[in-house]
Amino acid sequence: MAKPVAKTEDTSQIEVRLKPFWGIRPGVYLTIIYAVTLLFILFMLLLYPGLRNNGTTYRIESVPSGAAISVDGSYAGSTPAKVFVRKGEHTITLNRPSFAADQRPVTTGGTIFGSLFIPKKGTIVARLTMDDPESFLSSRLLEISEWALISQFGPSYQLPRLISDTVSDFYATSPAGDDEPIGRFLTATLSSLNGGVFIADYVRALMLNEAKGLVPMADTIARSVHRILSQLKEKPALAFLAAEALQDDALATYQKSGWFDKKVAEYRRIIEAHGSSDFPRPVSETTIAGLPFVLIPAADFVMGMPYAGATDGELPHPEKTTDFYMLKGEVTRGWYAQFLAANPRWSPENKNALMTEGLADEWYLYDWDGEVSPDVPVSYVSYYAARAFAEWIGSRLTGAFDGYVARLPLESEWELAALANSSDTELSGQIFADGPSPLKGRAGVEQLMGSLWEWCATWFHPADYFVKPWEPRAGSGGGPDGVTAAVTAAVTPAGPFDLGAEAVVRGGSWANTIEDRVSAVVRGSQRPAWCTEFTGFRIVLVK
């Protein structure tokens, strides 16, 4: 039987009819709804933004940049920045360390209609006045030191022009007539020229300096060249550093030049003249302020020379030291406990305050409550804590040592002591230990290698060795005698440019294996606030 065909309803003629609303015909009230909606949209787009935020958006810039912006005392960002200020009377203040505050009253207007699309704009450009040039230059030098720790740059990670921008900012904002600080700044920056990008920025800074911050002209370029040649005369190893700024054919041409050949020959003659490594091993010990010290005689030696044919040295260079006394071993937990008893500020209980001041991190004296022998070297101490210990010992010096200063060793003093007091095995870094090593009781200074990395007084800069002068050996005819500038600086108050992002550590630690052994000439560095189980210290006494 055939199935019945289902019937479908024809909907093509269905109409929807709106009913009147409160007696108002649909065509009328729909028009009213559309009109109200359109007016609401126009109000929200054209009027509401101006009524809600009636004011001006200022583009605020400063020379130099990085100034903190405050509006009526409330922080609003740092230059350069866009800052919205409501209509009315306000005070905009720009603050930057080392500069006088720039405070200016402003009468801010506003736009109500269309401010979302055409906001009212204003521009404030402030040229700050420097009131502490050395503080400004010190902060920039510290920033440059941070960047110098980075070994590689690329298209996506580029070095800012910190050196040349500093010169520009200095002349744009400092009082006229006093450009001596910027000269010292440029000299201090040499130690941080870690590669070609730094060198290129430095050369640009030299030209800006000669032009007093203006566009360099032919005469200023000539004076810049003269300044570079003068620096090469005072610091001839800069000739080797300059090669890092060259590539390919330019580098080959430079290295084959007669001038460069003469520098290499001169360098070899000087190194050979200082080449002896036969140091008298000091054996006399003296108890000073209750601690055992060993006299290290003055020496004129080659610093950074790879030991026993190794390849881990840096640019060897002549170095000179005066007589100094070095602590026989690393500062022990027992000695450090005496320091803490006399200086509660440095106690573990005060760690949070030290962290707030940037003098230590959360690991400071981490193992202090453990049952460890007082004869074991102390670790988990920061550079600043080690320096405070040295100052405390210095305050206790009396009698024949009343005119001495206690401090951390210079990097050159540490290396000399290691060369004069360590065995061949120790000097090469082939040492194995389970932890920090107590004194063994042998003659001379002990445990310079392989016990703990040891803090030095020297700030770490990657190009340090390239700015060392090639001084003739003392007493060899015409050469200057006495201490080097570095030694002089170390026993006098630190200057504003004596700083760095990291301090030198030397000697390796018990955790270094034969695969990563550390010889006597290897340089290490750490943040001065770091406290690790691999780092300790010893001190020296210098007249």
Protein backbone atom coordinates (compact mmCIF):
# COMPACT_ATOMS: atom_id res chain seq x y z
CA MET A 1 0.00 0.00 0.00
CA ALA A 2 1.40 3.44 -0.88
CA LYS A 3 2.32 5.67 2.06
CA PRO A 4 0.32 8.89 2.34
CA VAL A 5 2.23 12.02 1.32
CA ALA A 6 2.90 14.32 4.29
CA LYS A 7 1.49 17.78 3.91
CA THR A 8 3.82 20.75 4.55
CA GLU A 9 2.67 24.18 5.56
CA ASP A 10 3.41 27.01 3.14
CA THR A 11 5.31 29.68 5.12
CA SER A 12 6.23 31.93 2.25
CA GLN A 13 3.31 34.24 3.00
CA ILE A 14 3.71 34.52 6.80
CA GLU A 15 3.94 38.08 8.05
CA VAL A 16 5.00 39.41 11.45
CA ARG A 17 3.01 42.37 12.59
CA LEU A 18 4.17 44.44 15.58
CA LYS A 19 1.52 45.68 17.89
CA PRO A 20 1.24 49.27 19.01
CA PHE A 21 3.01 50.04 22.31
CA TRP A 22 1.15 52.38 24.64
CA GLY A 23 -0.84 53.52 21.64
CA ILE A 24 2.31 54.33 19.63
CA ARG A 25 2.54 52.83 16.19
CA PRO A 26 5.47 50.43 15.58
CA GLY A 27 7.01 52.60 12.91
CA VAL A 28 7.22 55.49 15.37
CA TYR A 29 8.64 53.71 18.39
CA LEU A 30 11.20 51.76 16.28
CA THR A 31 12.45 55.04 14.91
CA ILE A 32 12.74 56.38 18.44
CA ILE A 33 14.68 53.25 19.58
CA TYR A 34 17.10 53.50 16.67
CA ALA A 35 17.62 57.20 17.27
CA VAL A 36 18.24 56.75 21.00
CA THR A 37 20.72 53.91 20.32
CA LEU A 38 22.56 56.02 17.78
CA LEU A 39 22.68 58.98 20.17
CA PHE A 40 23.99 56.74 22.96
CA ILE A 41 26.74 55.40 20.73
CA LEU A 42 27.68 58.91 19.63
CA PHE A 43 27.68 60.06 23.25
CA MET A 44 29.95 57.22 24.35
CA LEU A 45 32.33 57.87 21.46
CA LEU A 46 32.35 61.65 21.29
CA LEU A 47 31.49 63.01 24.73
CA TYR A 48 31.86 60.44 27.49
CA PRO A 49 35.69 60.01 27.15
CA GLY A 50 36.14 63.77 27.41
CA LEU A 51 33.79 64.07 30.38
CA ARG A 52 35.42 61.14 32.19
CA ASN A 53 39.05 62.09 31.44
CA ASN A 54 39.12 65.76 30.66
CA GLY A 55 42.77 66.72 30.32
CA THR A 56 45.92 66.54 28.25
CA THR A 57 48.26 63.67 27.36
CA TYR A 58 51.81 64.98 27.67
CA ARG A 59 54.82 63.50 25.94
CA ILE A 60 57.52 64.08 28.58
CA GLU A 61 61.21 63.78 27.69
CA SER A 62 64.39 64.69 29.50
CA VAL A 63 68.10 65.01 28.85
CA PRO A 64 69.37 62.64 30.10
CA SER A 65 66.49 60.17 29.93
CA GLY A 66 65.41 57.96 32.81
CA ALA A 67 64.13 60.74 35.06
CA ALA A 68 61.26 59.83 37.38
CA ILE A 69 58.04 61.74 36.58
CA SER A 70 55.63 62.73 39.33
CA VAL A 71 52.38 64.68 39.00
CA ASP A 72 51.39 66.47 42.19
CA GLY A 73 53.73 64.14 44.09
CA SER A 74 52.40 60.89 42.59
CA TYR A 75 54.75 58.77 40.48
CA ALA A 76 53.65 58.59 36.83
CA GLY A 77 56.55 56.88 35.02
CA SER A 78 60.04 57.70 33.76
CA THR A 79 61.22 59.64 30.74
CA PRO A 80 60.50 59.29 27.91
CA ALA A 81 56.82 58.58 28.62
CA LYS A 82 53.25 59.62 27.81
CA VAL A 83 51.42 60.86 30.90
CA PHE A 84 47.76 61.91 31.11
CA VAL A 85 47.13 64.96 33.32
CA ARG A 86 43.60 66.05 34.19
CA LYS A 87 42.42 69.56 33.41
CA GLY A 88 43.45 72.09 36.02
CA GLU A 89 46.50 73.40 37.89
CA HIS A 90 49.22 70.82 38.51
CA THR A 91 52.92 70.48 39.32
CA ILE A 92 55.05 68.13 37.22
CA THR A 93 58.41 67.17 38.73
CA LEU A 94 61.31 65.31 37.13
CA ASN A 95 63.88 63.70 39.42
CA ARG A 96 67.06 61.84 38.58
CA PRO A 97 69.96 61.01 40.91
CA SER A 98 72.91 63.42 40.54
CA PHE A 99 70.67 66.10 38.97
CA ALA A 100 68.72 69.02 40.36
CA ALA A 101 64.97 68.40 40.42
CA ASP A 102 63.04 70.03 37.57
CA GLN A 103 59.74 71.27 39.00
CA ARG A 104 57.29 73.17 36.83
CA PRO A 105 53.67 74.27 37.33
CA VAL A 106 51.36 73.57 34.39
CA THR A 107 47.86 74.72 33.56
CA THR A 108 46.35 71.78 31.78
CA GLY A 109 43.54 72.25 29.31
CA GLY A 110 41.16 69.63 28.04
CA THR A 111 38.83 68.65 25.22
CA ILE A 112 35.36 67.22 25.81
CA PHE A 113 34.13 66.64 22.27
CA GLY A 114 35.95 63.95 20.24
CA SER A 115 38.82 63.47 22.69
CA LEU A 116 38.83 59.73 21.98
CA PHE A 117 39.87 60.39 18.40
CA ILE A 118 41.59 63.76 18.68
CA PRO A 119 42.96 63.93 22.24
CA LYS A 120 44.54 67.11 23.49
CA LYS A 121 48.32 66.65 23.49
CA GLY A 122 51.25 68.48 24.92
CA THR A 123 55.03 68.11 25.05
CA ILE A 124 57.43 68.78 27.89
CA VAL A 125 61.16 68.56 27.21
CA ALA A 126 63.40 69.16 30.22
CA ARG A 127 67.16 69.59 30.17
CA LEU A 128 68.20 68.61 33.66
CA THR A 129 71.06 70.36 35.43
CA MET A 130 73.76 68.11 36.85
CA ASP A 131 74.64 68.92 40.45
CA ASP A 132 76.87 65.88 41.19
CA PRO A 133 78.92 64.98 38.09
CA GLU A 134 81.03 62.30 39.76
CA SER A 135 77.99 60.48 41.13
CA PHE A 136 76.40 60.52 37.67
CA LEU A 137 79.55 59.24 35.98
CA SER A 138 80.02 56.56 38.67
CA SER A 139 76.52 55.22 38.09
CA ARG A 140 77.13 55.09 34.33
CA LEU A 141 80.50 53.39 34.86
CA LEU A 142 78.84 50.73 36.99
CA GLU A 143 76.23 50.19 34.25
CA ILE A 144 78.99 49.84 31.66
CA SER A 145 80.73 47.32 33.92
CA GLU A 146 77.52 45.26 33.99
CA TRP A 147 77.29 45.20 30.19
CA ALA A 148 81.00 44.35 29.90
CA LEU A 149 80.31 40.97 31.52
CA ILE A 150 78.39 39.98 28.36
CA SER A 151 80.70 38.43 25.79
CA GLN A 152 78.47 38.36 22.71
CA PHE A 153 75.98 40.70 21.09
CA GLY A 154 73.83 40.27 18.01
CA PRO A 155 71.07 41.90 15.96
CA SER A 156 68.44 41.01 18.56
CA TYR A 157 70.61 41.90 21.56
CA GLN A 158 72.67 45.00 21.01
CA LEU A 159 74.88 47.03 23.29
CA PRO A 160 73.49 50.52 23.97
CA ARG A 161 75.88 53.39 23.32
CA LEU A 162 76.49 53.88 27.01
CA ILE A 163 79.96 55.43 26.78
CA SER A 164 79.27 57.98 24.05
CA ASP A 165 75.79 58.76 25.40
CA THR A 166 77.37 59.50 28.78
CA VAL A 167 79.68 62.04 27.16
CA SER A 168 76.75 63.67 25.34
CA ASP A 169 74.65 63.80 28.52
CA PHE A 170 77.56 65.21 30.50
CA TYR A 171 78.14 68.18 28.21
CA ALA A 172 74.41 68.77 27.77
CA THR A 173 73.70 68.99 31.48
CA SER A 174 76.85 69.78 33.48
CA PRO A 175 78.02 73.27 34.41
CA ALA A 176 80.35 74.72 31.78
CA GLY A 177 84.08 74.72 32.32
CA ASP A 178 84.69 71.58 34.39
CA ASP A 179 85.37 68.66 32.05
CA GLU A 180 88.03 66.99 34.22
CA PRO A 181 85.66 64.29 35.57
CA ILE A 182 84.69 63.12 32.08
CA GLY A 183 88.38 62.63 31.25
CA ARG A 184 88.82 60.38 34.28
CA PHE A 185 85.62 58.57 33.35
CA LEU A 186 86.95 57.77 29.87
CA THR A 187 90.21 56.49 31.34
CA ALA A 188 88.33 54.27 33.81
CA THR A 189 86.13 52.92 30.99
CA LEU A 190 89.13 51.43 29.17
CA SER A 191 89.10 48.41 31.50
CA SER A 192 85.57 47.51 30.34
CA LEU A 193 86.18 47.52 26.57
CA ASN A 194 85.15 43.90 26.08
CA GLY A 195 85.18 43.55 22.30
CA GLY A 196 84.71 45.53 19.13
CA VAL A 197 81.30 47.03 19.92
CA PHE A 198 82.69 48.58 23.11
CA ILE A 199 85.77 49.87 21.32
CA ALA A 200 83.68 51.48 18.57
CA ASP A 201 81.52 53.22 21.15
CA TYR A 202 84.63 54.37 23.03
CA VAL A 203 86.16 55.94 19.90
CA ARG A 204 82.86 57.74 19.25
CA ALA A 205 82.94 58.96 22.87
CA LEU A 206 86.49 60.31 22.42
CA MET A 207 85.42 62.37 19.41
CA LEU A 208 82.36 63.70 21.24
CA ASN A 209 84.56 64.61 24.18
CA GLU A 210 86.95 66.57 22.02
CA ALA A 211 83.95 68.34 20.45
CA LYS A 212 82.49 69.08 23.94
CA GLY A 213 79.39 67.10 23.09
CA LEU A 214 78.81 68.79 19.72
CA VAL A 215 79.14 67.35 16.21
CA PRO A 216 82.80 66.32 15.69
CA MET A 217 84.65 68.35 13.04
CA ALA A 218 87.98 67.74 11.32
CA ASP A 219 90.00 69.35 14.11
CA THR A 220 88.23 67.36 16.83
CA ILE A 221 88.85 64.12 14.93
CA ALA A 222 92.55 65.02 14.75
CA ARG A 223 92.64 65.69 18.50
CA SER A 224 90.91 62.36 19.12
CA VAL A 225 93.58 60.56 17.12
CA HIS A 226 96.26 62.37 19.15
CA ARG A 227 94.56 61.28 22.38
CA ILE A 228 94.45 57.65 21.21
CA LEU A 229 98.16 57.76 20.36
CA SER A 230 98.90 59.23 23.80
CA GLN A 231 96.99 56.42 25.45
CA LEU A 232 98.90 53.86 23.39
CA LYS A 233 102.14 55.38 24.62
CA GLU A 234 101.03 55.15 28.26
CA LYS A 235 99.26 51.79 27.85
CA PRO A 236 100.90 50.02 24.89
CA ALA A 237 98.88 46.79 25.38
CA LEU A 238 95.88 48.72 24.02
CA ALA A 239 97.42 48.00 20.61
CA PHE A 240 96.46 44.35 21.12
CA LEU A 241 92.99 45.25 22.38
CA ALA A 242 92.39 47.45 19.32
CA ALA A 243 92.71 44.35 17.11
CA GLU A 244 89.39 43.11 18.52
CA ALA A 245 87.60 45.96 16.76
CA LEU A 246 88.85 44.83 13.34
CA GLN A 247 87.75 41.98 11.09
CA ASP A 248 88.92 40.08 8.03
CA ASP A 249 91.13 42.12 5.68
CA ALA A 250 91.37 45.09 8.05
CA LEU A 251 92.59 42.83 10.85
CA ALA A 252 95.12 41.11 8.61
CA THR A 253 96.48 44.46 7.36
CA TYR A 254 96.73 45.76 10.95
CA GLN A 255 98.57 42.71 12.22
CA LYS A 256 101.02 42.78 9.30
CA SER A 257 101.84 46.46 9.71
CA GLY A 258 105.35 47.48 10.71
CA TRP A 259 103.95 49.50 13.63
CA PHE A 260 102.17 46.45 15.09
CA ASP A 261 105.30 44.32 14.58
CA LYS A 262 107.29 46.82 16.64
CA LYS A 263 104.70 46.67 19.44
CA VAL A 264 104.88 42.88 19.49
CA ALA A 265 108.69 42.93 19.56
CA GLU A 266 108.67 45.49 22.36
CA TYR A 267 106.20 43.40 24.32
CA ARG A 268 108.31 40.27 23.96
CA ARG A 269 111.46 42.04 25.13
CA ILE A 270 109.71 43.36 28.24
CA ILE A 271 108.16 39.99 29.13
CA GLU A 272 111.53 38.25 28.69
CA ALA A 273 113.16 40.83 30.97
CA HIS A 274 110.62 39.97 33.67
CA GLY A 275 110.51 36.26 32.90
CA SER A 276 112.04 34.80 36.05
CA SER A 277 109.63 32.78 38.15
CA ASP A 278 112.10 31.81 40.88
CA PHE A 279 110.52 33.40 43.91
CA PRO A 280 112.02 33.02 47.38
CA ARG A 281 109.56 31.01 49.43
CA PRO A 282 108.84 33.04 52.58
CA VAL A 283 109.05 31.10 55.80
CA SER A 284 109.04 33.74 58.57
CA GLU A 285 105.72 34.02 60.38
CA THR A 286 104.52 36.78 62.68
CA THR A 287 101.50 36.88 64.97
CA ILE A 288 99.69 40.17 64.45
CA ALA A 289 96.42 41.05 66.19
CA GLY A 290 96.24 37.41 67.25
CA LEU A 291 96.46 36.02 63.69
CA PRO A 292 99.41 34.35 61.88
CA PHE A 293 100.83 36.40 59.01
CA VAL A 294 103.66 35.71 56.55
CA LEU A 295 105.82 38.44 55.01
CA ILE A 296 105.73 38.44 51.20
CA PRO A 297 108.76 40.39 49.91
CA ALA A 298 108.34 43.02 47.19
CA ALA A 299 108.56 41.58 43.70
CA ASP A 300 108.64 42.54 40.05
CA PHE A 301 107.12 39.66 38.07
CA VAL A 302 105.00 38.69 35.07
CA MET A 303 101.35 38.40 36.01
CA GLY A 304 98.99 36.19 34.00
CA MET A 305 101.69 33.94 32.54
CA PRO A 306 100.23 30.46 31.81
CA TYR A 307 101.73 27.96 34.21
CA ALA A 308 103.70 24.95 32.94
CA GLY A 309 102.64 25.41 29.32
CA ALA A 310 98.93 25.64 30.09
CA THR A 311 96.67 27.84 27.95
CA ASP A 312 94.49 29.33 30.67
CA GLY A 313 96.40 32.57 31.23
CA GLU A 314 95.42 35.99 30.00
CA LEU A 315 97.68 38.67 28.53
CA PRO A 316 100.89 38.34 30.61
CA HIS A 317 102.19 41.69 31.77
CA PRO A 318 104.79 43.11 34.16
CA GLU A 319 103.49 43.74 37.67
CA LYS A 320 105.10 45.20 40.75
CA THR A 321 104.25 44.82 44.42
CA THR A 322 105.64 46.16 47.67
CA ASP A 323 106.29 44.20 50.86
CA PHE A 324 103.09 42.99 52.46
CA TYR A 325 101.98 40.53 55.10
CA MET A 326 99.46 37.88 54.08
CA LEU A 327 97.33 35.83 56.44
CA LYS A 328 98.83 32.33 56.56
CA GLY A 329 95.49 30.65 55.88
CA GLU A 330 91.96 31.57 54.96
CA VAL A 331 89.92 33.26 57.69
CA THR A 332 88.52 30.48 59.86
CA ARG A 333 85.12 30.12 61.48
CA GLY A 334 86.76 30.70 64.85
CA TRP A 335 88.33 34.00 63.81
CA TYR A 336 85.12 35.09 62.14
CA ALA A 337 83.18 34.30 65.32
CA GLN A 338 85.38 36.81 67.19
CA PHE A 339 84.56 39.38 64.52
CA LEU A 340 80.82 38.74 64.90
CA ALA A 341 81.04 39.09 68.68
CA ALA A 342 82.62 42.53 68.26
CA ASN A 343 80.40 43.53 65.31
CA PRO A 344 76.77 42.37 65.85
CA ARG A 345 75.73 44.19 62.70
CA TRP A 346 77.26 41.32 60.71
CA SER A 347 75.65 38.53 62.72
CA PRO A 348 73.39 35.98 60.95
CA GLU A 349 70.45 37.35 62.93
CA ASN A 350 70.90 40.68 61.13
CA LYS A 351 70.91 39.07 57.67
CA ASN A 352 67.71 40.75 56.47
CA ALA A 353 69.10 44.21 57.22
CA LEU A 354 72.33 43.35 55.36
CA MET A 355 70.28 42.14 52.40
CA THR A 356 68.29 45.38 52.37
CA GLU A 357 71.56 47.35 52.21
CA GLY A 358 72.85 45.14 49.40
CA LEU A 359 75.74 43.86 51.53
CA ALA A 360 74.82 40.15 51.44
CA ASP A 361 72.27 37.75 49.98
CA GLU A 362 69.95 35.18 51.56
CA TRP A 363 72.80 32.62 51.82
CA TYR A 364 74.92 34.71 54.20
CA LEU A 365 76.48 32.37 56.83
CA TYR A 366 74.01 29.70 55.76
CA ASP A 367 75.82 26.92 57.66
CA TRP A 368 76.73 28.97 60.72
CA ASP A 369 74.60 26.92 63.12
CA GLY A 370 76.15 23.65 61.98
CA GLU A 371 78.63 21.67 64.07
CA VAL A 372 81.76 22.60 62.14
CA SER A 373 85.25 22.90 63.60
CA PRO A 374 86.38 26.49 64.30
CA ASP A 375 89.60 25.67 62.41
CA VAL A 376 87.74 25.23 59.10
CA PRO A 377 87.77 28.27 56.76
CA VAL A 378 84.55 30.27 56.85
CA SER A 379 82.43 30.35 53.69
CA TYR A 380 79.06 31.87 52.72
CA VAL A 381 80.53 35.37 53.20
CA SER A 382 80.14 38.30 50.83
CA TYR A 383 82.82 40.64 49.55
CA TYR A 384 81.46 43.35 51.82
CA ALA A 385 81.55 41.07 54.86
CA ALA A 386 85.16 40.12 54.07
CA ARG A 387 86.08 43.78 53.73
CA ALA A 388 84.41 44.57 57.06
CA PHE A 389 86.45 41.83 58.74
CA ALA A 390 89.64 43.36 57.33
CA GLU A 391 88.68 46.80 58.63
CA TRP A 392 88.04 45.30 62.08
CA ILE A 393 91.50 43.72 62.11
CA GLY A 394 92.96 47.03 60.98
CA SER A 395 91.41 48.78 63.98
CA ARG A 396 93.28 46.37 66.28
CA LEU A 397 96.77 46.97 64.85
CA THR A 398 99.16 48.45 67.39
CA GLY A 399 102.86 48.86 68.04
CA ALA A 400 105.11 48.22 65.04
CA PHE A 401 102.04 47.72 62.82
CA ASP A 402 100.23 50.88 63.85
CA GLY A 403 100.90 52.44 60.43
CA TYR A 404 99.56 49.48 58.45
CA VAL A 405 96.23 48.99 56.67
CA ALA A 406 94.35 45.68 56.71
CA ARG A 407 92.41 44.85 53.54
CA LEU A 408 91.68 42.16 51.01
CA PRO A 409 94.63 41.37 48.72
CA LEU A 410 94.98 42.97 45.33
CA GLU A 411 94.72 40.48 42.51
CA SER A 412 98.43 40.94 41.79
CA GLU A 413 99.36 40.36 45.44
CA TRP A 414 97.29 37.18 45.54
CA GLU A 415 98.91 35.79 42.39
CA LEU A 416 102.42 36.61 43.63
CA ALA A 417 101.72 34.84 46.94
CA ALA A 418 100.39 31.80 45.07
CA LEU A 419 103.44 31.63 42.79
CA ALA A 420 105.82 31.95 45.74
CA ASN A 421 104.07 29.58 48.18
CA SER A 422 102.37 26.81 46.19
CA SER A 423 103.66 23.50 44.87
CA ASP A 424 103.68 22.66 41.17
CA THR A 425 100.64 20.45 41.67
CA GLU A 426 98.75 23.25 43.40
CA LEU A 427 99.73 25.86 40.81
CA SER A 428 98.33 23.72 38.01
CA GLY A 429 95.05 23.20 39.87
CA GLN A 430 95.33 19.41 40.20
CA ILE A 431 93.97 19.33 43.74
CA PHE A 432 91.28 17.13 45.21
CA ALA A 433 89.46 17.84 48.47
CA ASP A 434 86.13 17.16 50.12
CA GLY A 435 85.67 20.66 51.48
CA PRO A 436 87.47 23.79 52.71
CA SER A 437 90.94 22.86 53.95
CA PRO A 438 92.29 23.82 57.40
CA LEU A 439 95.94 24.74 57.85
CA LYS A 440 98.43 21.89 57.39
CA GLY A 441 101.23 23.44 59.44
CA ARG A 442 103.77 23.82 56.63
CA ALA A 443 106.01 26.86 56.11
CA GLY A 444 104.74 29.95 54.31
CA VAL A 445 101.25 30.86 53.17
CA GLU A 446 98.91 27.86 52.81
CA GLN A 447 95.81 26.76 50.92
CA LEU A 448 95.85 29.46 48.27
CA MET A 449 94.74 26.88 45.72
CA GLY A 450 91.77 24.53 45.79
CA SER A 451 90.29 25.19 49.21
CA LEU A 452 87.91 28.11 48.60
CA TRP A 453 87.68 30.81 45.98
CA GLU A 454 89.07 33.89 47.73
CA TRP A 455 87.77 37.44 47.46
CA CYS A 456 90.28 40.03 46.22
CA ALA A 457 90.15 43.81 46.64
CA THR A 458 90.25 44.26 42.85
CA TRP A 459 87.04 44.87 40.91
CA PHE A 460 86.75 42.65 37.86
CA HIS A 461 86.95 44.23 34.41
CA PRO A 462 87.53 42.06 31.32
CA ALA A 463 90.13 44.38 29.75
CA ASP A 464 92.13 45.00 32.95
CA TYR A 465 95.33 43.50 31.63
CA PHE A 466 95.27 45.62 28.45
CA VAL A 467 95.44 48.90 30.37
CA LYS A 468 98.47 47.95 32.47
CA PRO A 469 101.58 50.01 31.68
CA TRP A 470 104.73 48.20 30.57
CA GLU A 471 106.96 49.61 33.28
CA PRO A 472 110.66 48.72 33.22
CA ARG A 473 111.95 46.63 36.09
CA ALA A 474 112.69 48.73 39.18
CA GLY A 475 116.37 49.65 39.36
CA SER A 476 117.10 48.54 35.77
CA GLY A 477 117.90 52.06 34.64
CA GLY A 478 115.40 54.85 34.13
CA GLY A 479 112.40 52.89 35.27
CA PRO A 480 110.11 54.17 38.02
CA ASP A 481 110.62 52.57 41.39
CA GLY A 482 108.08 52.01 44.16
CA VAL A 483 104.45 50.97 44.14
CA THR A 484 102.14 50.94 41.15
CA ALA A 485 99.06 53.12 40.92
CA ALA A 486 96.88 50.13 41.79
CA VAL A 487 98.70 49.55 45.08
CA THR A 488 98.52 53.24 45.94
CA ALA A 489 94.78 53.31 45.27
CA ALA A 490 94.21 50.23 47.41
CA VAL A 491 95.64 51.79 50.57
CA THR A 492 93.85 55.12 50.18
CA PRO A 493 90.10 55.89 50.19
CA ALA A 494 88.46 54.51 47.06
CA GLY A 495 87.72 57.07 44.37
CA PRO A 496 84.29 57.49 42.81
CA PHE A 497 85.34 55.44 39.76
CA ASP A 498 86.87 52.56 41.75
CA LEU A 499 83.94 50.20 41.31
CA GLY A 500 82.61 47.32 39.29
CA ALA A 501 79.68 44.97 38.90
CA GLU A 502 81.71 42.02 40.18
CA ALA A 503 84.80 41.54 42.34
CA VAL A 504 87.72 39.24 41.50
CA VAL A 505 87.93 35.81 43.14
CA ARG A 506 91.01 33.58 42.84
CA GLY A 507 92.25 30.08 43.57
CA GLY A 508 89.36 27.78 42.73
CA SER A 509 87.63 25.65 45.35
CA TRP A 510 87.36 22.07 46.57
CA ALA A 511 84.41 21.61 44.20
CA ASN A 512 86.54 22.12 41.06
CA THR A 513 87.41 18.80 39.46
CA ILE A 514 90.25 17.87 37.12
CA GLU A 515 87.97 18.66 34.19
CA ASP A 516 87.50 22.26 35.35
CA ARG A 517 90.69 22.71 37.32
CA VAL A 518 91.74 26.22 38.17
CA SER A 519 95.39 27.21 37.90
CA ALA A 520 97.08 30.04 39.76
CA VAL A 521 96.53 32.54 36.92
CA VAL A 522 92.83 31.92 36.26
CA ARG A 523 90.61 34.91 37.00
CA GLY A 524 87.14 34.48 38.42
CA SER A 525 84.53 37.01 39.47
CA GLN A 526 81.36 37.16 41.55
CA ARG A 527 78.73 39.68 42.54
CA PRO A 528 79.99 41.34 45.72
CA ALA A 529 76.83 40.47 47.67
CA TRP A 530 76.96 36.77 46.79
CA CYS A 531 77.55 34.28 49.59
CA THR A 532 78.36 30.72 48.49
CA GLU A 533 79.79 27.60 50.08
CA PHE A 534 82.70 27.81 47.63
CA THR A 535 83.98 31.30 48.56
CA GLY A 536 86.02 32.51 51.52
CA PHE A 537 88.83 35.03 51.99
CA ARG A 538 92.10 36.01 53.59
CA ILE A 539 93.53 39.44 54.29
CA VAL A 540 96.82 41.30 53.91
CA LEU A 541 98.56 44.07 55.84
CA VAL A 542 100.21 46.87 53.87
CA LYS A 543 102.15 49.84 55.19
